[in-house]
N, C-alpha and C. Protein backbone atom coordinates (compact mmCIF):
# COMPACT_ATOMS: atom_id res chain seq x y z
N MET A 1 40.10 -142.83 -208.36
CA MET A 1 39.36 -142.21 -207.29
C MET A 1 40.36 -141.58 -206.31
N ARG A 2 40.07 -140.39 -205.90
CA ARG A 2 40.97 -139.71 -204.98
C ARG A 2 40.68 -140.15 -203.55
N ALA A 3 41.68 -140.10 -202.70
CA ALA A 3 41.57 -140.62 -201.33
C ALA A 3 40.59 -139.80 -200.50
N TYR A 4 40.53 -138.50 -200.69
CA TYR A 4 39.66 -137.68 -199.84
C TYR A 4 38.20 -137.79 -200.24
N ASN A 5 37.88 -138.38 -201.36
CA ASN A 5 36.49 -138.61 -201.74
C ASN A 5 36.00 -140.00 -201.31
N CYS A 6 36.89 -140.81 -200.86
CA CYS A 6 36.56 -142.18 -200.46
C CYS A 6 35.88 -142.17 -199.08
N PRO A 7 34.72 -142.81 -198.97
CA PRO A 7 34.05 -142.86 -197.66
C PRO A 7 34.88 -143.54 -196.59
N MET A 8 35.67 -144.52 -196.94
CA MET A 8 36.52 -145.19 -195.96
C MET A 8 37.56 -144.25 -195.38
N ALA A 9 38.08 -143.36 -196.21
CA ALA A 9 39.07 -142.40 -195.73
C ALA A 9 38.45 -141.49 -194.68
N ARG A 10 37.19 -141.11 -194.87
CA ARG A 10 36.49 -140.28 -193.88
C ARG A 10 36.33 -141.03 -192.57
N LEU A 11 36.05 -142.33 -192.67
CA LEU A 11 35.92 -143.13 -191.45
C LEU A 11 37.23 -143.19 -190.68
N PHE A 12 38.33 -143.29 -191.40
CA PHE A 12 39.63 -143.34 -190.74
C PHE A 12 39.95 -142.03 -190.03
N VAL A 13 39.32 -140.95 -190.42
CA VAL A 13 39.52 -139.67 -189.74
C VAL A 13 38.53 -139.52 -188.59
N ILE A 14 37.29 -139.93 -188.77
CA ILE A 14 36.24 -139.71 -187.77
C ILE A 14 36.30 -140.71 -186.62
N VAL A 15 36.50 -141.98 -186.92
CA VAL A 15 36.46 -143.03 -185.89
C VAL A 15 37.47 -142.81 -184.76
N PRO A 16 38.71 -142.42 -185.03
CA PRO A 16 39.63 -142.18 -183.90
C PRO A 16 39.12 -141.10 -182.94
N PHE A 17 38.49 -140.06 -183.47
CA PHE A 17 37.94 -139.01 -182.61
C PHE A 17 36.79 -139.55 -181.75
N ILE A 18 35.98 -140.40 -182.31
CA ILE A 18 34.88 -141.00 -181.56
C ILE A 18 35.42 -141.90 -180.46
N VAL A 19 36.44 -142.69 -180.78
CA VAL A 19 37.03 -143.60 -179.80
C VAL A 19 37.69 -142.81 -178.67
N ILE A 20 38.44 -141.78 -179.02
CA ILE A 20 39.09 -140.95 -177.99
C ILE A 20 38.04 -140.28 -177.12
N GLY A 21 36.97 -139.79 -177.73
CA GLY A 21 35.88 -139.18 -176.96
C GLY A 21 35.24 -140.18 -176.01
N LEU A 22 35.06 -141.41 -176.46
CA LEU A 22 34.49 -142.46 -175.63
C LEU A 22 35.40 -142.75 -174.44
N TYR A 23 36.71 -142.86 -174.67
CA TYR A 23 37.65 -143.09 -173.58
C TYR A 23 37.63 -141.95 -172.56
N VAL A 24 37.69 -140.74 -173.06
CA VAL A 24 37.69 -139.57 -172.16
C VAL A 24 36.41 -139.54 -171.33
N PHE A 25 35.27 -139.76 -171.99
CA PHE A 25 33.99 -139.74 -171.29
C PHE A 25 33.94 -140.85 -170.24
N ALA A 26 34.42 -142.04 -170.59
CA ALA A 26 34.40 -143.16 -169.65
C ALA A 26 35.30 -142.89 -168.44
N ILE A 27 36.47 -142.34 -168.68
CA ILE A 27 37.39 -142.06 -167.58
C ILE A 27 36.84 -140.97 -166.66
N VAL A 28 36.30 -139.91 -167.25
CA VAL A 28 35.71 -138.84 -166.44
C VAL A 28 34.52 -139.38 -165.65
N ASP A 29 33.69 -140.19 -166.27
CA ASP A 29 32.55 -140.79 -165.59
C ASP A 29 33.01 -141.68 -164.44
N LEU A 30 34.06 -142.44 -164.65
CA LEU A 30 34.61 -143.30 -163.61
C LEU A 30 35.10 -142.47 -162.42
N VAL A 31 35.83 -141.42 -162.70
CA VAL A 31 36.38 -140.58 -161.64
C VAL A 31 35.26 -139.89 -160.85
N LEU A 32 34.21 -139.44 -161.52
CA LEU A 32 33.14 -138.71 -160.86
C LEU A 32 32.09 -139.60 -160.20
N THR A 33 32.11 -140.89 -160.47
CA THR A 33 31.14 -141.81 -159.89
C THR A 33 31.51 -142.12 -158.44
N ASP A 34 30.52 -142.07 -157.56
CA ASP A 34 30.73 -142.38 -156.15
C ASP A 34 31.11 -143.85 -155.98
N ASN A 35 32.01 -144.13 -155.05
CA ASN A 35 32.48 -145.50 -154.83
C ASN A 35 31.35 -146.47 -154.51
N SER A 36 30.30 -145.99 -153.86
CA SER A 36 29.20 -146.88 -153.48
C SER A 36 28.39 -147.35 -154.69
N ARG A 37 28.51 -146.67 -155.82
CA ARG A 37 27.76 -147.04 -157.01
C ARG A 37 28.55 -147.92 -157.98
N VAL A 38 29.84 -148.12 -157.72
CA VAL A 38 30.69 -148.93 -158.60
C VAL A 38 30.43 -150.40 -158.32
N ARG A 39 30.21 -151.18 -159.39
CA ARG A 39 29.92 -152.61 -159.25
C ARG A 39 31.10 -153.46 -159.76
N ALA A 40 31.15 -154.69 -159.30
CA ALA A 40 32.04 -155.75 -159.78
C ALA A 40 33.51 -155.55 -159.39
N PHE A 41 34.13 -154.44 -159.74
CA PHE A 41 35.53 -154.19 -159.44
C PHE A 41 35.65 -152.86 -158.71
N PRO A 42 36.77 -152.64 -158.02
CA PRO A 42 37.02 -151.30 -157.48
C PRO A 42 37.33 -150.34 -158.64
N LYS A 43 37.36 -149.06 -158.34
CA LYS A 43 37.60 -148.06 -159.39
C LYS A 43 38.90 -148.30 -160.14
N LEU A 44 39.94 -148.68 -159.43
CA LEU A 44 41.23 -148.93 -160.10
C LEU A 44 41.10 -150.07 -161.11
N GLY A 45 40.37 -151.11 -160.73
CA GLY A 45 40.14 -152.22 -161.65
C GLY A 45 39.39 -151.77 -162.89
N TRP A 46 38.37 -150.94 -162.68
CA TRP A 46 37.62 -150.44 -163.84
C TRP A 46 38.49 -149.52 -164.70
N GLY A 47 39.41 -148.80 -164.06
CA GLY A 47 40.34 -147.97 -164.84
C GLY A 47 41.18 -148.81 -165.78
N LEU A 48 41.59 -149.97 -165.30
CA LEU A 48 42.37 -150.88 -166.16
C LEU A 48 41.50 -151.50 -167.24
N VAL A 49 40.23 -151.79 -166.92
CA VAL A 49 39.32 -152.36 -167.92
C VAL A 49 39.04 -151.33 -169.01
N ILE A 50 38.87 -150.07 -168.64
CA ILE A 50 38.55 -149.03 -169.61
C ILE A 50 39.65 -148.89 -170.65
N VAL A 51 40.88 -149.18 -170.26
CA VAL A 51 42.01 -149.05 -171.19
C VAL A 51 41.91 -150.05 -172.34
N LEU A 52 41.18 -151.15 -172.16
CA LEU A 52 41.00 -152.12 -173.26
C LEU A 52 40.39 -151.40 -174.46
N PRO A 53 40.84 -151.71 -175.65
CA PRO A 53 40.34 -151.01 -176.83
C PRO A 53 38.82 -151.10 -176.99
N VAL A 54 38.17 -149.99 -176.96
CA VAL A 54 36.73 -149.77 -177.16
C VAL A 54 35.86 -150.61 -176.23
N VAL A 55 36.13 -151.89 -176.13
CA VAL A 55 35.30 -152.80 -175.34
C VAL A 55 35.32 -152.41 -173.86
N GLY A 56 36.45 -151.96 -173.37
CA GLY A 56 36.57 -151.61 -171.96
C GLY A 56 35.64 -150.48 -171.56
N ALA A 57 35.59 -149.43 -172.37
CA ALA A 57 34.71 -148.30 -172.08
C ALA A 57 33.25 -148.74 -172.15
N LEU A 58 32.93 -149.56 -173.12
CA LEU A 58 31.55 -150.04 -173.23
C LEU A 58 31.18 -150.92 -172.03
N LEU A 59 32.11 -151.77 -171.57
CA LEU A 59 31.85 -152.58 -170.38
C LEU A 59 31.59 -151.70 -169.16
N TRP A 60 32.34 -150.61 -169.03
CA TRP A 60 32.13 -149.70 -167.91
C TRP A 60 30.71 -149.12 -167.95
N PHE A 61 30.29 -148.66 -169.11
CA PHE A 61 28.97 -148.05 -169.21
C PHE A 61 27.84 -149.07 -169.00
N ILE A 62 28.06 -150.31 -169.38
CA ILE A 62 27.01 -151.31 -169.26
C ILE A 62 26.99 -151.96 -167.87
N PHE A 63 28.16 -152.34 -167.34
CA PHE A 63 28.21 -153.12 -166.11
C PHE A 63 28.89 -152.42 -164.94
N GLY A 64 29.52 -151.30 -165.16
CA GLY A 64 30.39 -150.71 -164.15
C GLY A 64 29.74 -150.03 -162.98
N LYS A 65 28.55 -149.46 -163.16
CA LYS A 65 27.96 -148.73 -162.05
C LYS A 65 26.46 -148.95 -162.00
N GLU A 66 25.92 -148.75 -160.80
CA GLU A 66 24.48 -148.88 -160.61
C GLU A 66 23.79 -147.67 -161.20
N ARG A 67 22.62 -147.89 -161.70
CA ARG A 67 21.85 -146.82 -162.33
C ARG A 67 20.73 -146.36 -161.40
N GLY A 68 20.31 -145.12 -161.56
CA GLY A 68 19.13 -144.59 -160.90
C GLY A 68 19.18 -144.66 -159.38
N ASP A 69 18.01 -144.89 -158.76
CA ASP A 69 17.88 -144.88 -157.32
C ASP A 69 18.20 -146.22 -156.68
N ARG A 70 18.59 -147.21 -157.46
CA ARG A 70 18.88 -148.53 -156.89
C ARG A 70 20.04 -148.49 -155.92
N GLY A 71 20.93 -147.53 -156.06
CA GLY A 71 22.08 -147.44 -155.18
C GLY A 71 21.78 -146.79 -153.85
N GLY A 72 20.51 -146.49 -153.58
CA GLY A 72 20.14 -145.85 -152.34
C GLY A 72 20.27 -144.34 -152.41
N GLU A 73 20.73 -143.84 -153.50
CA GLU A 73 20.90 -142.41 -153.66
C GLU A 73 19.55 -141.80 -154.02
N ARG A 74 19.18 -140.73 -153.35
CA ARG A 74 17.89 -140.12 -153.61
C ARG A 74 18.07 -138.93 -154.54
N ARG A 75 17.27 -138.90 -155.57
CA ARG A 75 17.41 -137.77 -156.50
C ARG A 75 16.57 -136.61 -156.01
N THR A 76 16.98 -135.42 -156.35
CA THR A 76 16.29 -134.21 -155.93
C THR A 76 15.01 -134.05 -156.73
N VAL A 77 13.93 -133.73 -156.02
CA VAL A 77 12.63 -133.56 -156.65
C VAL A 77 12.14 -132.16 -156.34
N ALA A 78 11.57 -131.52 -157.32
CA ALA A 78 10.99 -130.19 -157.11
C ALA A 78 9.85 -130.31 -156.10
N PRO A 79 9.64 -129.29 -155.26
CA PRO A 79 8.59 -129.38 -154.24
C PRO A 79 7.21 -129.69 -154.79
N ASP A 80 6.87 -129.15 -155.94
CA ASP A 80 5.53 -129.39 -156.47
C ASP A 80 5.38 -130.78 -157.09
N ASP A 81 6.48 -131.55 -157.17
CA ASP A 81 6.43 -132.93 -157.66
C ASP A 81 6.64 -133.94 -156.54
N ASP A 82 6.92 -133.46 -155.34
CA ASP A 82 7.22 -134.34 -154.21
C ASP A 82 5.94 -134.65 -153.44
N PRO A 83 5.49 -135.91 -153.46
CA PRO A 83 4.23 -136.26 -152.77
C PRO A 83 4.29 -135.98 -151.27
N ALA A 84 5.43 -136.20 -150.64
CA ALA A 84 5.55 -135.96 -149.20
C ALA A 84 5.39 -134.47 -148.90
N PHE A 85 6.01 -133.63 -149.71
CA PHE A 85 5.89 -132.19 -149.51
C PHE A 85 4.45 -131.74 -149.69
N LEU A 86 3.78 -132.25 -150.72
CA LEU A 86 2.38 -131.88 -150.97
C LEU A 86 1.47 -132.35 -149.84
N ALA A 87 1.73 -133.55 -149.31
CA ALA A 87 0.92 -134.05 -148.20
C ALA A 87 1.12 -133.17 -146.96
N ASN A 88 2.37 -132.79 -146.69
CA ASN A 88 2.64 -131.90 -145.56
C ASN A 88 1.97 -130.54 -145.76
N LEU A 89 1.97 -130.06 -146.98
CA LEU A 89 1.36 -128.78 -147.28
C LEU A 89 -0.15 -128.83 -147.03
N ARG A 90 -0.80 -129.91 -147.48
CA ARG A 90 -2.24 -130.07 -147.22
C ARG A 90 -2.52 -130.19 -145.73
N ARG A 91 -1.67 -130.94 -145.02
CA ARG A 91 -1.85 -131.08 -143.58
C ARG A 91 -1.70 -129.74 -142.88
N ASP A 92 -0.72 -128.96 -143.29
CA ASP A 92 -0.52 -127.63 -142.71
C ASP A 92 -1.72 -126.73 -142.99
N GLU A 93 -2.26 -126.80 -144.20
CA GLU A 93 -3.43 -125.98 -144.53
C GLU A 93 -4.63 -126.39 -143.69
N GLU A 94 -4.81 -127.70 -143.49
CA GLU A 94 -5.91 -128.18 -142.66
C GLU A 94 -5.74 -127.72 -141.21
N GLN A 95 -4.53 -127.77 -140.69
CA GLN A 95 -4.27 -127.31 -139.33
C GLN A 95 -4.54 -125.81 -139.21
N ASP A 96 -4.10 -125.04 -140.20
CA ASP A 96 -4.35 -123.60 -140.19
C ASP A 96 -5.85 -123.30 -140.20
N GLU A 97 -6.59 -124.05 -141.00
CA GLU A 97 -8.04 -123.86 -141.06
C GLU A 97 -8.69 -124.22 -139.72
N ARG A 98 -8.25 -125.31 -139.10
CA ARG A 98 -8.78 -125.72 -137.80
C ARG A 98 -8.49 -124.66 -136.73
N ILE A 99 -7.28 -124.14 -136.73
CA ILE A 99 -6.91 -123.09 -135.78
C ILE A 99 -7.76 -121.84 -136.00
N ARG A 100 -7.97 -121.48 -137.27
CA ARG A 100 -8.78 -120.30 -137.57
C ARG A 100 -10.21 -120.47 -137.05
N ARG A 101 -10.81 -121.67 -137.23
CA ARG A 101 -12.17 -121.93 -136.74
C ARG A 101 -12.23 -121.89 -135.21
N LEU A 102 -11.23 -122.48 -134.55
CA LEU A 102 -11.20 -122.46 -133.09
C LEU A 102 -11.06 -121.03 -132.55
N GLU A 103 -10.21 -120.24 -133.20
CA GLU A 103 -10.07 -118.84 -132.77
C GLU A 103 -11.37 -118.08 -132.97
N GLN A 104 -12.06 -118.37 -134.06
CA GLN A 104 -13.34 -117.71 -134.32
C GLN A 104 -14.37 -118.12 -133.25
N GLU A 105 -14.41 -119.40 -132.91
CA GLU A 105 -15.33 -119.87 -131.87
C GLU A 105 -15.00 -119.24 -130.52
N LEU A 106 -13.72 -119.15 -130.19
CA LEU A 106 -13.33 -118.50 -128.93
C LEU A 106 -13.72 -117.03 -128.92
N ALA A 107 -13.54 -116.36 -130.05
CA ALA A 107 -13.93 -114.95 -130.14
C ALA A 107 -15.43 -114.80 -129.95
N GLU A 108 -16.21 -115.71 -130.52
CA GLU A 108 -17.67 -115.65 -130.35
C GLU A 108 -18.06 -115.92 -128.91
N LEU A 109 -17.37 -116.84 -128.23
CA LEU A 109 -17.66 -117.11 -126.83
C LEU A 109 -17.30 -115.90 -125.95
N ASP A 110 -16.23 -115.21 -126.29
CA ASP A 110 -15.84 -114.03 -125.52
C ASP A 110 -16.85 -112.89 -125.70
N ASP A 111 -17.49 -112.83 -126.85
CA ASP A 111 -18.45 -111.77 -127.14
C ASP A 111 -19.79 -111.98 -126.44
N ASP A 112 -20.10 -113.20 -126.03
CA ASP A 112 -21.38 -113.48 -125.35
C ASP A 112 -21.40 -112.77 -124.00
N PRO A 113 -22.52 -112.11 -123.71
CA PRO A 113 -22.63 -111.48 -122.40
C PRO A 113 -22.81 -112.54 -121.31
N PRO A 114 -22.31 -112.29 -120.14
CA PRO A 114 -22.47 -113.29 -119.08
C PRO A 114 -23.93 -113.48 -118.71
N LYS A 115 -24.33 -114.68 -118.42
CA LYS A 115 -25.70 -114.99 -118.08
C LYS A 115 -25.82 -115.03 -116.54
N ASP A 116 -26.86 -114.36 -116.03
CA ASP A 116 -27.08 -114.36 -114.58
C ASP A 116 -28.17 -115.26 -114.17
């Protein structure tokens, strides 16, 4: 059997690229993560943990930072998906309608001839 037809030989070529990609992704993620979201260790400590073979990068992704909105960070929401924006919009529409009715009533009162 030739070496290049062996499935194990393919793994020896592919796995190092996957591991290097995992390390690079973990390091970039560590650098770009805000300090307030880092858990357990400071960033420098996590940098040293990530250097551990494969396990370090996996530990960073599993335990290293807070996920989602738990860190107090608010994610951006489109206006049509934001309940507060929609409530304000409805309130503004109701106020506009109320103002329009009051202006109409005032105009009708101004049109009335004076009574003697």
